[in-house]
Protein backbone atom coordinates (compact mmCIF):
# COMPACT_ATOMS: atom_id res chain seq x y z
CA MET A 1 -108.27 121.27 -14.13
CA TYR A 2 -106.67 122.36 -17.25
CA ALA A 3 -102.76 122.66 -18.04
CA LYS A 4 -101.25 124.30 -20.86
CA ILE A 5 -97.42 122.95 -22.09
CA GLN A 6 -95.38 125.80 -21.64
CA GLU A 7 -92.43 124.69 -22.55
CA ILE A 8 -90.49 120.82 -24.21
CA SER A 9 -86.56 121.32 -24.04
CA THR A 10 -83.72 118.53 -23.01
CA LEU A 11 -82.29 117.94 -19.72
CA SER A 12 -78.93 119.01 -19.65
CA GLY A 13 -76.25 116.26 -19.86
CA THR A 14 -78.64 113.91 -20.37
CA PRO A 15 -81.54 112.27 -23.29
CA MET A 16 -84.08 113.01 -21.00
CA THR A 17 -87.33 115.11 -22.18
CA TYR A 18 -88.02 117.71 -19.94
CA VAL A 19 -91.90 119.17 -20.03
CA LEU A 20 -93.17 122.00 -18.02
CA ILE A 21 -96.94 122.71 -17.89
CA HIS A 22 -98.97 125.41 -16.14
CA ILE A 23 -102.19 124.31 -14.46
CA TRP A 24 -105.44 126.60 -13.77
CA PRO A 25 -108.60 125.41 -12.26
CA THR A 26 -110.47 125.65 -15.38
CA LYS A 27 -109.77 126.45 -19.29
CA LYS A 28 -111.93 129.53 -18.75
CA ALA A 29 -108.85 130.84 -16.07
CA SER A 30 -106.48 129.97 -17.81
CA ALA A 31 -107.39 133.06 -19.81
CA THR A 32 -107.10 135.90 -17.58
CA GLU A 33 -105.50 134.48 -14.55
CA LEU A 34 -102.01 133.80 -13.62
CA PRO A 35 -101.50 129.63 -12.98
CA SER A 36 -102.01 128.08 -9.76
CA GLY A 37 -99.71 125.43 -10.14
CA ASP A 38 -97.28 123.98 -12.41
CA ASN A 39 -95.29 120.65 -12.85
CA ALA A 40 -92.16 119.77 -14.69
CA PHE A 41 -91.92 116.11 -16.33
CA VAL A 42 -88.81 114.65 -17.07
CA MET A 43 -89.84 111.83 -19.67
CA ASP A 44 -87.43 109.02 -21.11
CA LEU A 45 -88.91 109.23 -24.62
CA PHE A 46 -88.34 107.24 -27.33
CA LYS A 47 -89.15 107.25 -31.04
CA THR A 48 -88.89 103.76 -31.70
CA SER A 49 -89.07 100.41 -29.43
CA GLU A 50 -88.48 96.74 -30.76
CA ARG A 51 -91.09 93.65 -30.37
CA VAL A 52 -91.48 90.20 -31.22
CA VAL A 53 -92.82 89.62 -34.81
CA LYS A 54 -96.32 88.01 -34.61
CA ASP A 55 -98.82 86.59 -36.56
CA ALA A 56 -102.85 87.20 -36.63
CA GLN A 57 -102.76 84.21 -33.62
CA GLY A 58 -100.42 85.69 -31.63
CA ARG A 59 -97.77 83.45 -32.29
CA HIS A 60 -94.36 84.42 -31.83
CA LYS A 61 -91.67 84.25 -35.21
CA THR A 62 -88.42 82.59 -34.41
CA HIS A 63 -84.99 83.39 -36.60
CA GLU A 64 -85.80 80.17 -38.52
CA GLY A 65 -89.51 81.55 -39.79
CA GLN A 66 -91.28 79.32 -38.06
CA PHE A 67 -94.08 80.96 -35.52
CA ILE A 68 -94.42 79.09 -32.16
CA HIS A 69 -97.30 79.96 -29.62
CA PRO A 70 -95.00 81.56 -26.40
CA ASP A 71 -96.82 79.26 -24.08
CA ARG A 72 -95.22 76.50 -25.90
CA ALA A 73 -91.78 77.91 -26.40
CA LYS A 74 -89.24 75.96 -25.00
CA GLY A 75 -87.16 78.94 -23.86
CA SER A 76 -84.10 78.63 -25.96
CA GLU A 77 -85.47 79.91 -29.23
CA LEU A 78 -84.27 83.09 -31.00
CA TRP A 79 -87.43 85.55 -31.93
CA GLU A 80 -87.17 87.46 -35.00
CA MET A 81 -87.82 91.08 -34.04
CA GLU A 82 -89.35 94.22 -35.66
CA THR A 83 -88.33 97.93 -35.00
CA TYR A 84 -91.92 100.03 -34.91
CA ASN A 85 -92.45 103.93 -34.78
CA ILE A 86 -93.91 105.44 -30.98
CA ASP A 87 -96.43 108.35 -31.07
CA VAL A 88 -94.36 110.37 -28.90
CA ALA A 89 -96.78 113.06 -28.92
CA ALA A 90 -99.33 111.16 -27.48
CA GLU A 91 -97.34 109.80 -25.15
CA VAL A 92 -96.23 113.04 -23.47
CA MET A 93 -100.28 113.92 -23.90
CA ALA A 94 -100.97 110.77 -22.06
CA ASN A 95 -98.23 111.67 -19.49
CA ILE A 96 -99.67 114.80 -18.72
CA GLU A 97 -103.31 113.44 -18.49
CA GLU A 98 -102.16 111.05 -16.08
CA TYR A 99 -100.80 113.23 -13.70
CA LEU A 100 -103.84 115.90 -13.76
CA GLU A 101 -106.15 112.81 -12.95
CA ARG A 102 -104.09 111.59 -9.92
CA ARG A 103 -103.81 115.68 -8.70
CA LYS A 104 -107.28 116.17 -9.01
CA GLU A 105 -108.12 112.67 -7.01
CA LEU A 106 -105.72 114.26 -4.64
CA GLU A 107 -106.77 117.61 -4.66
CA GLY A 108 -107.80 119.05 -0.94
CA ASN A 109 -106.16 115.43 0.71
CA LYS A 110 -103.70 115.92 2.47
CA ASP A 111 -101.26 114.05 0.35
CA SER A 112 -102.05 116.11 -2.08
CA PHE A 113 -99.13 117.58 -4.97
CA PRO A 114 -98.01 121.03 -3.72
CA SER A 115 -99.13 124.20 -5.94
CA PHE A 116 -95.72 124.58 -8.08
CA HIS A 117 -93.89 121.54 -8.37
CA ALA A 118 -91.20 122.73 -11.13
CA ARG A 119 -87.70 122.67 -10.32
CA PRO A 120 -86.25 125.71 -11.57
CA ALA A 121 -82.96 125.13 -10.83
CA LEU A 122 -82.93 122.23 -13.74
CA VAL A 123 -80.40 123.31 -16.60
CA ARG A 124 -82.71 122.86 -19.90
CA THR A 125 -81.22 122.81 -23.53
CA GLN A 126 -82.41 122.49 -26.70
CA ASP A 127 -79.35 119.31 -27.44
CA ASN A 128 -81.40 116.55 -29.04
CA PRO A 129 -79.91 113.39 -28.65
CA ARG A 130 -82.66 111.27 -29.23
CA GLY A 131 -84.27 113.26 -31.99
CA ILE A 132 -87.48 114.30 -30.19
CA LEU A 133 -87.11 118.23 -30.31
CA SER A 134 -86.67 117.65 -34.26
CA MET A 135 -90.10 116.06 -33.99
CA SER A 136 -93.14 118.89 -35.44
CA ASP A 137 -95.81 116.54 -33.79
CA VAL A 138 -94.07 116.89 -30.15
CA MET A 139 -93.21 120.66 -30.59
CA GLY A 140 -96.61 121.54 -31.86
CA LEU A 141 -97.92 120.43 -28.34
CA VAL A 142 -96.27 123.94 -26.97
CA GLY A 143 -99.17 126.01 -26.16
CA LYS A 144 -101.40 122.93 -26.22
CA GLY A 145 -104.07 122.66 -23.62
CA VAL A 146 -105.32 119.67 -21.54
CA SER A 147 -108.28 119.55 -19.62
CA VAL A 148 -109.61 116.75 -17.29
CA LYS A 149 -112.83 116.66 -15.09
């Protein structure tokens, strides 16, 4: 199964990222045939997140600078947090690959996905409340293909 990303935009009135893919049985078919299916994803993507600061032994760092194993924490500790970057392009691709694998597994099954699953009535915009559409690696995914065996 082969899919190609057709569009990345924002779902109107929300911070959600909209990703449209077209699907073919094979990569070769994508060169000469119309798509045999599609899907639209609405993804809740963020550029960064936070996590507890840890040392090499996996102990959590408190605001006081002490490292405590999480199993020995009393529950009243305030942990020091750090912000880290998320590989948004990799997250988009992983979501698509996971979907294609599930779709492939259910192919021919009565519970399989409908061939054409996208909802054209969803209003999309180029609004960019979280900055996702400004990320060149994310927007560079448009036209990129994904294969699953």
